[in-house]
Amino acid sequence: MAETKKVVDITDRLPAKDISHLKSGGGGGTFDGMEPRIIALETSLKHVQGDVAELRSDMKTVLSRLSVIDGKLSNLPTTWQMIFAIVGPFTAIFLALVGILLKMH
């Protein structure tokens, strides 16, 4: 059989909190000075929004430049293409000289 546990209400043992200094509505309780703080936050938010817009514009410029760089890099020859472009003509010249030397003998 399941054991039943008794729930004890201890709220009467807790110390009472004094909330008489708080107003129940209409503002102005302990939140005096909140309006200037909200205005300051709204002003800061406008600056942040301006900075984000500037960053977006900068990012568009960076992405545009990156696509140009990517296009230029994709047109560059690979390492092997460079090796064959340099070694190929020297090999052809060397073989031509060897052929000329063999005909002379």
Protein backbone atom coordinates (compact mmCIF):
# COMPACT_ATOMS: atom_id res chain seq x y z
CA MET A 1 0.00 0.00 0.00
CA ALA A 2 1.28 3.49 -0.86
CA GLU A 3 2.39 5.62 2.02
CA THR A 4 0.62 8.96 2.37
CA LYS A 5 2.75 11.93 3.38
CA LYS A 6 1.35 14.87 5.26
CA VAL A 7 1.96 18.33 3.72
CA VAL A 8 2.80 20.96 6.30
CA ASP A 9 1.99 24.63 5.68
CA ILE A 10 4.91 26.70 6.96
CA THR A 11 3.84 30.10 5.61
CA ASP A 12 2.80 31.15 9.09
CA ARG A 13 6.37 30.50 10.27
CA LEU A 14 7.97 32.76 7.63
CA PRO A 15 8.83 36.32 8.63
CA ALA A 16 6.38 38.88 7.27
CA LYS A 17 7.76 41.13 4.57
CA ASP A 18 7.00 44.81 4.75
CA ILE A 19 5.67 45.86 1.34
CA SER A 20 3.83 48.96 2.51
CA HIS A 21 6.32 51.20 0.69
CA LEU A 22 5.24 49.73 -2.68
CA LYS A 23 2.25 51.18 -4.46
CA SER A 24 -0.33 48.81 -5.81
CA GLY A 25 -0.77 50.51 -9.17
CA GLY A 26 -0.29 53.66 -11.20
CA GLY A 27 3.50 53.53 -11.04
CA GLY A 28 5.77 55.69 -8.97
CA GLY A 29 6.39 53.11 -6.20
CA THR A 30 10.07 52.30 -5.84
CA PHE A 31 10.48 52.81 -9.57
CA ASP A 32 10.92 56.58 -9.56
CA GLY A 33 13.42 57.62 -12.20
CA MET A 34 12.44 54.81 -14.53
CA GLU A 35 11.31 57.15 -17.32
CA PRO A 36 14.78 58.72 -17.81
CA ARG A 37 16.32 55.25 -17.75
CA ILE A 38 13.91 54.06 -20.44
CA ILE A 39 14.68 57.12 -22.55
CA ALA A 40 18.41 56.41 -22.19
CA LEU A 41 17.88 52.76 -23.18
CA GLU A 42 15.81 53.78 -26.22
CA THR A 43 18.52 56.23 -27.26
CA SER A 44 21.18 53.55 -26.86
CA LEU A 45 19.06 51.13 -28.86
CA LYS A 46 18.83 53.66 -31.71
CA HIS A 47 22.63 53.89 -31.73
CA VAL A 48 22.94 50.11 -31.72
CA GLN A 49 20.47 49.85 -34.60
CA GLY A 50 22.50 52.42 -36.54
CA ASP A 51 25.70 50.48 -35.86
CA VAL A 52 24.06 47.24 -37.01
CA ALA A 53 22.90 48.91 -40.22
CA GLU A 54 26.44 50.17 -40.81
CA LEU A 55 27.85 46.69 -40.17
CA ARG A 56 25.39 45.19 -42.65
CA SER A 57 26.52 47.69 -45.27
CA ASP A 58 30.16 46.91 -44.54
CA MET A 59 29.47 43.17 -44.78
CA LYS A 60 27.86 43.63 -48.20
CA THR A 61 30.99 45.45 -49.35
CA VAL A 62 33.25 42.73 -47.93
CA LEU A 63 31.19 39.98 -49.57
CA SER A 64 31.31 41.81 -52.89
CA ARG A 65 35.09 42.14 -52.68
CA LEU A 66 35.43 38.49 -51.69
CA SER A 67 33.48 37.38 -54.74
CA VAL A 68 35.81 39.43 -56.95
CA ILE A 69 38.85 37.89 -55.25
CA ASP A 70 37.33 34.42 -55.62
CA GLY A 71 36.80 35.02 -59.33
CA LYS A 72 40.40 36.12 -59.77
CA LEU A 73 41.75 33.18 -57.78
CA SER A 74 39.72 30.68 -59.78
CA ASN A 75 41.41 31.97 -62.96
CA LEU A 76 44.93 31.48 -61.61
CA PRO A 77 46.80 28.41 -62.86
CA THR A 78 47.27 25.48 -60.51
CA THR A 79 50.68 24.39 -59.22
CA TRP A 80 50.93 21.61 -61.79
CA GLN A 81 49.98 23.96 -64.62
CA MET A 82 52.78 26.30 -63.51
CA ILE A 83 55.29 23.43 -63.33
CA PHE A 84 54.40 22.24 -66.84
CA ALA A 85 54.46 25.80 -68.15
CA ILE A 86 58.00 26.29 -66.84
CA VAL A 87 59.48 22.81 -67.30
CA GLY A 88 57.79 22.11 -70.67
CA PRO A 89 59.67 24.69 -72.78
CA PHE A 90 63.00 23.85 -71.11
CA THR A 91 62.41 20.17 -71.85
CA ALA A 92 61.59 20.96 -75.47
CA ILE A 93 64.72 23.08 -75.85
CA PHE A 94 66.85 20.40 -74.19
CA LEU A 95 65.47 17.66 -76.45
CA ALA A 96 65.96 19.84 -79.53
CA LEU A 97 69.62 20.42 -78.57
CA VAL A 98 70.11 16.70 -77.94
CA GLY A 99 68.60 15.96 -81.36
CA ILE A 100 70.87 18.48 -83.04
CA LEU A 101 73.93 17.06 -81.25
CA LEU A 102 73.01 13.49 -82.27
CA LYS A 103 72.68 14.50 -85.94
CA MET A 104 76.07 16.16 -85.83
CA HIS A 105 77.81 12.94 -84.85
